[in-house]
Each structure stands twice: as structure tokens, then as C-alpha cells.
Amino acid sequence: MKIEKDVLRALKGLPNEMLVEVKDFIGSLKKARGQRRRHETEKALAKKQLATIKKWAGTDLGPGFAGREHDAVLYGGGR
């Protein structure tokens, strides 16, 4: 890509001290991006949610967590 070539061209000739700073900056960018995006893609998030739903499907969680009782807990008693 053109951007990668431009970045590499800009790095050539920089003193080692500055290259260390650039490396640290790149690391901080990667860390910040990782904290903002918990899942790489929406597809990965959907896959994880589906796995959790399948895990609990058909499980009896006791009174208050099935059918209308479940809806009452989540959405309030008026529904």
C-alpha cells in the first residue's frame, strides 16, 4: 500500500533514539485500539453470543427466569 511505503520511507535515516520513540508510539496505538475494540469483527461477536445462547438453551434457571417471569424481570412487570 502507498501509506506503508510512505511510512517506511519516512523512517529511513532517522536516528535510533527516534526509532525507539516511533516503536513505543506504535505500541501505544495498538494497545489503545485493542482496548476500544473488544472483538475483532461483528462476526466474531455474533459467534460468541450464539455459542453462549446454545450453552444455556433449554437450561432451567429456576423461578423468575423462564417465560413470562423472565420478561417481567428484564422489562418490568407491566408486560
PDB file of N, CA and C in Angstrom:
ATOM      1  N   MET A   1       0.844  -1.188   0.000  1.00  0.00           N
ATOM      2  CA  MET A   1       0.000   0.000   0.000  1.00  0.00           C
ATOM      3  C   MET A   1       0.881   1.241   0.000  1.00  0.00           C
ATOM      4  N   LYS A   2       0.342   2.301  -0.506  1.00  0.00           N
ATOM      5  CA  LYS A   2       1.087   3.545  -0.589  1.00  0.00           C
ATOM      6  C   LYS A   2       1.403   4.098   0.792  1.00  0.00           C
ATOM      7  N   ILE A   3       0.470   3.981   1.726  1.00  0.00           N
ATOM      8  CA  ILE A   3       0.694   4.522   3.065  1.00  0.00           C
ATOM      9  C   ILE A   3       1.874   3.810   3.731  1.00  0.00           C
ATOM     10  N   GLU A   4       1.918   2.499   3.600  1.00  0.00           N
ATOM     11  CA  GLU A   4       3.022   1.741   4.197  1.00  0.00           C
ATOM     12  C   GLU A   4       4.361   2.173   3.605  1.00  0.00           C
ATOM     13  N   LYS A   5       4.395   2.351   2.309  1.00  0.00           N
ATOM     14  CA  LYS A   5       5.633   2.779   1.666  1.00  0.00           C
ATOM     15  C   LYS A   5       6.040   4.165   2.145  1.00  0.00           C
ATOM     16  N   ASP A   6       5.060   5.061   2.297  1.00  0.00           N
ATOM     17  CA  ASP A   6       5.360   6.411   2.781  1.00  0.00           C
ATOM     18  C   ASP A   6       5.918   6.377   4.201  1.00  0.00           C
ATOM     19  N   VAL A   7       5.352   5.536   5.036  1.00  0.00           N
ATOM     20  CA  VAL A   7       5.823   5.423   6.424  1.00  0.00           C
ATOM     21  C   VAL A   7       7.234   4.865   6.456  1.00  0.00           C
ATOM     22  N   LEU A   8       7.465   3.805   5.693  1.00  0.00           N
ATOM     23  CA  LEU A   8       8.804   3.213   5.664  1.00  0.00           C
ATOM     24  C   LEU A   8       9.838   4.197   5.129  1.00  0.00           C
ATOM     25  N   ARG A   9       9.459   4.957   4.119  1.00  0.00           N
ATOM     26  CA  ARG A   9      10.368   5.955   3.550  1.00  0.00           C
ATOM     27  C   ARG A   9      10.692   7.029   4.597  1.00  0.00           C
ATOM     28  N   ALA A  10       9.688   7.428   5.380  1.00  0.00           N
ATOM     29  CA  ALA A  10       9.906   8.450   6.405  1.00  0.00           C
ATOM     30  C   ALA A  10      10.808   7.939   7.531  1.00  0.00           C
ATOM     31  N   LEU A  11      10.778   6.633   7.801  1.00  0.00           N
ATOM     32  CA  LEU A  11      11.594   6.068   8.874  1.00  0.00           C
ATOM     33  C   LEU A  11      13.076   5.947   8.508  1.00  0.00           C
ATOM     34  N   LYS A  12      13.340   5.839   7.223  1.00  0.00           N
ATOM     35  CA  LYS A  12      14.730   5.690   6.792  1.00  0.00           C
ATOM     36  C   LYS A  12      15.521   6.934   7.168  1.00  0.00           C
ATOM     37  N   GLY A  13      16.680   6.698   7.753  1.00  0.00           N
ATOM     38  CA  GLY A  13      17.553   7.812   8.084  1.00  0.00           C
ATOM     39  C   GLY A  13      17.307   8.437   9.441  1.00  0.00           C
ATOM     40  N   LEU A  14      16.285   7.998  10.150  1.00  0.00           N
ATOM     41  CA  LEU A  14      16.056   8.542  11.483  1.00  0.00           C
ATOM     42  C   LEU A  14      17.065   7.959  12.462  1.00  0.00           C
ATOM     43  N   PRO A  15      17.487   8.751  13.434  1.00  0.00           N
ATOM     44  CA  PRO A  15      18.411   8.214  14.442  1.00  0.00           C
ATOM     45  C   PRO A  15      17.726   7.142  15.295  1.00  0.00           C
ATOM     46  N   ASN A  16      18.528   6.278  15.893  1.00  0.00           N
ATOM     47  CA  ASN A  16      17.993   5.166  16.678  1.00  0.00           C
ATOM     48  C   ASN A  16      17.086   5.634  17.808  1.00  0.00           C
ATOM     49  N   GLU A  17      17.413   6.750  18.453  1.00  0.00           N
ATOM     50  CA  GLU A  17      16.586   7.257  19.551  1.00  0.00           C
ATOM     51  C   GLU A  17      15.166   7.551  19.070  1.00  0.00           C
ATOM     52  N   MET A  18      15.072   8.140  17.883  1.00  0.00           N
ATOM     53  CA  MET A  18      13.748   8.463  17.336  1.00  0.00           C
ATOM     54  C   MET A  18      13.008   7.198  16.919  1.00  0.00           C
ATOM     55  N   LEU A  19      13.731   6.205  16.418  1.00  0.00           N
ATOM     56  CA  LEU A  19      13.091   4.943  16.042  1.00  0.00           C
ATOM     57  C   LEU A  19      12.499   4.247  17.263  1.00  0.00           C
ATOM     58  N   VAL A  20      13.177   4.358  18.396  1.00  0.00           N
ATOM     59  CA  VAL A  20      12.646   3.789  19.635  1.00  0.00           C
ATOM     60  C   VAL A  20      11.346   4.497  20.017  1.00  0.00           C
ATOM     61  N   GLU A  21      11.324   5.819  19.871  1.00  0.00           N
ATOM     62  CA  GLU A  21      10.108   6.579  20.170  1.00  0.00           C
ATOM     63  C   GLU A  21       8.970   6.172  19.231  1.00  0.00           C
ATOM     64  N   VAL A  22       9.284   5.985  17.955  1.00  0.00           N
ATOM     65  CA  VAL A  22       8.272   5.566  16.979  1.00  0.00           C
ATOM     66  C   VAL A  22       7.732   4.183  17.356  1.00  0.00           C
ATOM     67  N   LYS A  23       8.615   3.288  17.740  1.00  0.00           N
ATOM     68  CA  LYS A  23       8.204   1.933  18.135  1.00  0.00           C
ATOM     69  C   LYS A  23       7.276   1.989  19.348  1.00  0.00           C
ATOM     70  N   ASP A  24       7.629   2.811  20.340  1.00  0.00           N
ATOM     71  CA  ASP A  24       6.787   2.957  21.525  1.00  0.00           C
ATOM     72  C   ASP A  24       5.424   3.546  21.165  1.00  0.00           C
ATOM     73  N   PHE A  25       5.430   4.515  20.254  1.00  0.00           N
ATOM     74  CA  PHE A  25       4.173   5.128  19.817  1.00  0.00           C
ATOM     75  C   PHE A  25       3.281   4.110  19.120  1.00  0.00           C
ATOM     76  N   ILE A  26       3.855   3.288  18.270  1.00  0.00           N
ATOM     77  CA  ILE A  26       3.091   2.252  17.578  1.00  0.00           C
ATOM     78  C   ILE A  26       2.502   1.273  18.585  1.00  0.00           C
ATOM     79  N   GLY A  27       3.292   0.901  19.580  1.00  0.00           N
ATOM     80  CA  GLY A  27       2.795   0.010  20.629  1.00  0.00           C
ATOM     81  C   GLY A  27       1.626   0.606  21.380  1.00  0.00           C
ATOM     82  N   SER A  28       1.702   1.902  21.681  1.00  0.00           N
ATOM     83  CA  SER A  28       0.590   2.549  22.393  1.00  0.00           C
ATOM     84  C   SER A  28      -0.659   2.628  21.524  1.00  0.00           C
ATOM     85  N   LEU A  29      -0.478   2.830  20.226  1.00  0.00           N
ATOM     86  CA  LEU A  29      -1.634   2.850  19.315  1.00  0.00           C
ATOM     87  C   LEU A  29      -2.314   1.481  19.272  1.00  0.00           C
ATOM     88  N   LYS A  30      -1.519   0.427  19.179  1.00  0.00           N
ATOM     89  CA  LYS A  30      -2.075  -0.922  19.138  1.00  0.00           C
ATOM     90  C   LYS A  30      -2.800  -1.246  20.436  1.00  0.00           C
ATOM     91  N   LYS A  31      -2.231  -0.848  21.558  1.00  0.00           N
ATOM     92  CA  LYS A  31      -2.850  -1.113  22.847  1.00  0.00           C
ATOM     93  C   LYS A  31      -4.176  -0.362  22.968  1.00  0.00           C
ATOM     94  N   ALA A  32      -4.191   0.911  22.569  1.00  0.00           N
ATOM     95  CA  ALA A  32      -5.415   1.709  22.648  1.00  0.00           C
ATOM     96  C   ALA A  32      -6.492   1.138  21.733  1.00  0.00           C
ATOM     97  N   ARG A  33      -6.117   0.689  20.565  1.00  0.00           N
ATOM     98  CA  ARG A  33      -7.096   0.118  19.633  1.00  0.00           C
ATOM     99  C   ARG A  33      -7.667  -1.168  20.203  1.00  0.00           C
ATOM    100  N   GLY A  34      -6.827  -1.970  20.831  1.00  0.00           N
ATOM    101  CA  GLY A  34      -7.284  -3.208  21.430  1.00  0.00           C
ATOM    102  C   GLY A  34      -8.254  -2.978  22.568  1.00  0.00           C
ATOM    103  N   GLN A  35      -8.079  -1.918  23.320  1.00  0.00           N
ATOM    104  CA  GLN A  35      -8.977  -1.618  24.424  1.00  0.00           C
ATOM    105  C   GLN A  35     -10.320  -1.121  23.926  1.00  0.00           C
ATOM    106  N   ARG A  36     -10.332  -0.410  22.818  1.00  0.00           N
ATOM    107  CA  ARG A  36     -11.595   0.102  22.285  1.00  0.00           C
ATOM    108  C   ARG A  36     -12.399  -0.991  21.615  1.00  0.00           C
ATOM    109  N   ARG A  37     -11.734  -1.907  20.949  1.00  0.00           N
ATOM    110  CA  ARG A  37     -12.414  -2.950  20.192  1.00  0.00           C
ATOM    111  C   ARG A  37     -12.214  -4.277  20.882  1.00  0.00           C
ATOM    112  N   ARG A  38     -13.228  -4.704  21.612  1.00  0.00           N
ATOM    113  CA  ARG A  38     -13.112  -5.948  22.347  1.00  0.00           C
ATOM    114  C   ARG A  38     -13.086  -7.135  21.394  1.00  0.00           C
ATOM    115  N   HIS A  39     -13.877  -7.056  20.339  1.00  0.00           N
ATOM    116  CA  HIS A  39     -13.945  -8.147  19.368  1.00  0.00           C
ATOM    117  C   HIS A  39     -13.442  -7.627  18.035  1.00  0.00           C
ATOM    118  N   GLU A  40     -12.708  -8.433  17.356  1.00  0.00           N
ATOM    119  CA  GLU A  40     -12.122  -8.014  16.087  1.00  0.00           C
ATOM    120  C   GLU A  40     -13.199  -7.633  15.065  1.00  0.00           C
ATOM    121  N   THR A  41     -14.228  -8.446  14.970  1.00  0.00           N
ATOM    122  CA  THR A  41     -15.273  -8.171  13.995  1.00  0.00           C
ATOM    123  C   THR A  41     -16.632  -8.422  14.618  1.00  0.00           C
ATOM    124  N   GLU A  42     -17.652  -7.897  13.979  1.00  0.00           N
ATOM    125  CA  GLU A  42     -19.007  -8.161  14.447  1.00  0.00           C
ATOM    126  C   GLU A  42     -19.341  -9.634  14.283  1.00  0.00           C
ATOM    127  N   LYS A  43     -18.757 -10.268  13.271  1.00  0.00           N
ATOM    128  CA  LYS A  43     -18.980 -11.694  13.059  1.00  0.00           C
ATOM    129  C   LYS A  43     -18.462 -12.500  14.252  1.00  0.00           C
ATOM    130  N   ALA A  44     -17.293 -12.120  14.780  1.00  0.00           N
ATOM    131  CA  ALA A  44     -16.734 -12.807  15.940  1.00  0.00           C
ATOM    132  C   ALA A  44     -17.613 -12.612  17.166  1.00  0.00           C
ATOM    133  N   LEU A  45     -18.149 -11.403  17.340  1.00  0.00           N
ATOM    134  CA  LEU A  45     -19.053 -11.127  18.454  1.00  0.00           C
ATOM    135  C   LEU A  45     -20.322 -11.961  18.331  1.00  0.00           C
ATOM    136  N   ALA A  46     -20.895 -12.016  17.134  1.00  0.00           N
ATOM    137  CA  ALA A  46     -22.106 -12.804  16.917  1.00  0.00           C
ATOM    138  C   ALA A  46     -21.855 -14.286  17.185  1.00  0.00           C
ATOM    139  N   LYS A  47     -20.686 -14.762  16.797  1.00  0.00           N
ATOM    140  CA  LYS A  47     -20.336 -16.166  17.014  1.00  0.00           C
ATOM    141  C   LYS A  47     -20.241 -16.464  18.511  1.00  0.00           C
ATOM    142  N   LYS A  48     -19.652 -15.551  19.264  1.00  0.00           N
ATOM    143  CA  LYS A  48     -19.527 -15.739  20.707  1.00  0.00           C
ATOM    144  C   LYS A  48     -20.904 -15.703  21.372  1.00  0.00           C
ATOM    145  N   GLN A  49     -21.755 -14.781  20.946  1.00  0.00           N
ATOM    146  CA  GLN A  49     -23.110 -14.692  21.506  1.00  0.00           C
ATOM    147  C   GLN A  49     -23.896 -15.961  21.208  1.00  0.00           C
ATOM    148  N   LEU A  50     -23.787 -16.470  19.987  1.00  0.00           N
ATOM    149  CA  LEU A  50     -24.504 -17.684  19.613  1.00  0.00           C
ATOM    150  C   LEU A  50     -24.024 -18.874  20.444  1.00  0.00           C
ATOM    151  N   ALA A  51     -22.730 -18.958  20.675  1.00  0.00           N
ATOM    152  CA  ALA A  51     -22.191 -20.046  21.489  1.00  0.00           C
ATOM    153  C   ALA A  51     -22.745 -19.980  22.911  1.00  0.00           C
ATOM    154  N   THR A  52     -22.858 -18.773  23.451  1.00  0.00           N
ATOM    155  CA  THR A  52     -23.399 -18.606  24.804  1.00  0.00           C
ATOM    156  C   THR A  52     -24.876 -18.973  24.844  1.00  0.00           C
ATOM    157  N   ILE A  53     -25.629 -18.565  23.829  1.00  0.00           N
ATOM    158  CA  ILE A  53     -27.056 -18.898  23.768  1.00  0.00           C
ATOM    159  C   ILE A  53     -27.231 -20.409  23.707  1.00  0.00           C
ATOM    160  N   LYS A  54     -26.427 -21.076  22.858  1.00  0.00           N
ATOM    161  CA  LYS A  54     -26.518 -22.535  22.749  1.00  0.00           C
ATOM    162  C   LYS A  54     -26.161 -23.213  24.062  1.00  0.00           C
ATOM    163  N   LYS A  55     -25.197 -22.639  24.779  1.00  0.00           N
ATOM    164  CA  LYS A  55     -24.775 -23.223  26.050  1.00  0.00           C
ATOM    165  C   LYS A  55     -25.923 -23.228  27.060  1.00  0.00           C
ATOM    166  N   TRP A  56     -26.686 -22.139  27.088  1.00  0.00           N
ATOM    167  CA  TRP A  56     -27.752 -22.011  28.089  1.00  0.00           C
ATOM    168  C   TRP A  56     -29.115 -22.425  27.567  1.00  0.00           C
ATOM    169  N   ALA A  57     -29.236 -22.740  26.297  1.00  0.00           N
ATOM    170  CA  ALA A  57     -30.528 -23.108  25.710  1.00  0.00           C
ATOM    171  C   ALA A  57     -31.105 -24.331  26.411  1.00  0.00           C
ATOM    172  N   GLY A  58     -32.355 -24.228  26.786  1.00  0.00           N
ATOM    173  CA  GLY A  58     -33.034 -25.357  27.411  1.00  0.00           C
ATOM    174  C   GLY A  58     -32.688 -25.559  28.875  1.00  0.00           C
ATOM    175  N   THR A  59     -31.860 -24.694  29.420  1.00  0.00           N
ATOM    176  CA  THR A  59     -31.479 -24.818  30.821  1.00  0.00           C
ATOM    177  C   THR A  59     -32.516 -24.149  31.702  1.00  0.00           C
ATOM    178  N   ASP A  60     -32.921 -24.821  32.751  1.00  0.00           N
ATOM    179  CA  ASP A  60     -33.879 -24.252  33.695  1.00  0.00           C
ATOM    180  C   ASP A  60     -33.095 -23.475  34.745  1.00  0.00           C
ATOM    181  N   LEU A  61     -33.281 -22.173  34.756  1.00  0.00           N
ATOM    182  CA  LEU A  61     -32.567 -21.328  35.701  1.00  0.00           C
ATOM    183  C   LEU A  61     -33.360 -21.086  36.978  1.00  0.00           C
ATOM    184  N   GLY A  62     -34.469 -21.783  37.110  1.00  0.00           N
ATOM    185  CA  GLY A  62     -35.263 -21.628  38.318  1.00  0.00           C
ATOM    186  C   GLY A  62     -36.365 -20.600  38.149  1.00  0.00           C
ATOM    187  N   PRO A  63     -37.181 -20.421  39.186  1.00  0.00           N
ATOM    188  CA  PRO A  63     -38.304 -19.493  39.114  1.00  0.00           C
ATOM    189  C   PRO A  63     -37.839 -18.065  38.851  1.00  0.00           C
ATOM    190  N   GLY A  64     -38.621 -17.360  38.057  1.00  0.00           N
ATOM    191  CA  GLY A  64     -38.302 -15.966  37.767  1.00  0.00           C
ATOM    192  C   GLY A  64     -37.433 -15.771  36.547  1.00  0.00           C
ATOM    193  N   PHE A  65     -36.998 -16.861  35.939  1.00  0.00           N
ATOM    194  CA  PHE A  65     -36.113 -16.714  34.792  1.00  0.00           C
ATOM    195  C   PHE A  65     -36.550 -17.557  33.605  1.00  0.00           C
ATOM    196  N   ALA A  66     -37.843 -17.800  33.486  1.00  0.00           N
ATOM    197  CA  ALA A  66     -38.338 -18.545  32.339  1.00  0.00           C
ATOM    198  C   ALA A  66     -39.636 -17.909  31.874  1.00  0.00           C
ATOM    199  N   GLY A  67     -39.831 -17.868  30.582  1.00  0.00           N
ATOM    200  CA  GLY A  67     -41.079 -17.382  30.004  1.00  0.00           C
ATOM    201  C   GLY A  67     -41.448 -15.985  30.455  1.00  0.00           C
ATOM    202  N   ARG A  68     -42.677 -15.845  30.942  1.00  0.00           N
ATOM    203  CA  ARG A  68     -43.181 -14.524  31.344  1.00  0.00           C
ATOM    204  C   ARG A  68     -42.432 -13.960  32.544  1.00  0.00           C
ATOM    205  N   GLU A  69     -42.000 -14.843  33.431  1.00  0.00           N
ATOM    206  CA  GLU A  69     -41.237 -14.365  34.585  1.00  0.00           C
ATOM    207  C   GLU A  69     -39.925 -13.721  34.135  1.00  0.00           C
ATOM    208  N   HIS A  70     -39.305 -14.329  33.137  1.00  0.00           N
ATOM    209  CA  HIS A  70     -38.070 -13.794  32.574  1.00  0.00           C
ATOM    210  C   HIS A  70     -38.319 -12.405  32.014  1.00  0.00           C
ATOM    211  N   ASP A  71     -39.390 -12.243  31.226  1.00  0.00           N
ATOM    212  CA  ASP A  71     -39.715 -10.949  30.641  1.00  0.00           C
ATOM    213  C   ASP A  71     -40.018  -9.917  31.715  1.00  0.00           C
ATOM    214  N   ALA A  72     -40.695 -10.349  32.790  1.00  0.00           N
ATOM    215  CA  ALA A  72     -41.016  -9.420  33.872  1.00  0.00           C
ATOM    216  C   ALA A  72     -39.752  -8.914  34.547  1.00  0.00           C
ATOM    217  N   VAL A  73     -38.771  -9.784  34.714  1.00  0.00           N
ATOM    218  CA  VAL A  73     -37.525  -9.381  35.335  1.00  0.00           C
ATOM    219  C   VAL A  73     -36.779  -8.401  34.428  1.00  0.00           C
ATOM    220  N   LEU A  74     -36.721  -8.715  33.116  1.00  0.00           N
ATOM    221  CA  LEU A  74     -35.970  -7.861  32.196  1.00  0.00           C
ATOM    222  C   LEU A  74     -36.669  -6.550  31.885  1.00  0.00           C
ATOM    223  N   TYR A  75     -37.974  -6.598  31.628  1.00  0.00           N
ATOM    224  CA  TYR A  75     -38.670  -5.431  31.077  1.00  0.00           C
ATOM    225  C   TYR A  75     -39.641  -4.800  32.055  1.00  0.00           C
ATOM    226  N   GLY A  76     -39.807  -5.359  33.216  1.00  0.00           N
ATOM    227  CA  GLY A  76     -40.763  -4.815  34.177  1.00  0.00           C
ATOM    228  C   GLY A  76     -42.034  -5.633  34.177  1.00  0.00           C
ATOM    229  N   GLY A  77     -42.805  -5.522  35.233  1.00  0.00           N
ATOM    230  CA  GLY A  77     -43.982  -6.370  35.413  1.00  0.00           C
ATOM    231  C   GLY A  77     -45.156  -6.025  34.536  1.00  0.00           C
ATOM    232  N   GLY A  78     -45.134  -4.901  33.833  1.00  0.00           N
ATOM    233  CA  GLY A  78     -46.292  -4.469  33.046  1.00  0.00           C
ATOM    234  C   GLY A  78     -46.507  -5.180  31.754  1.00  0.00           C
ATOM    235  N   ARG A  79     -45.605  -6.033  31.346  1.00  0.00           N
ATOM    236  CA  ARG A  79     -45.737  -6.674  30.017  1.00  0.00           C
ATOM    237  C   ARG A  79     -46.283  -8.052  30.118  1.00  0.00           C
TER     238      ARG A  79
END
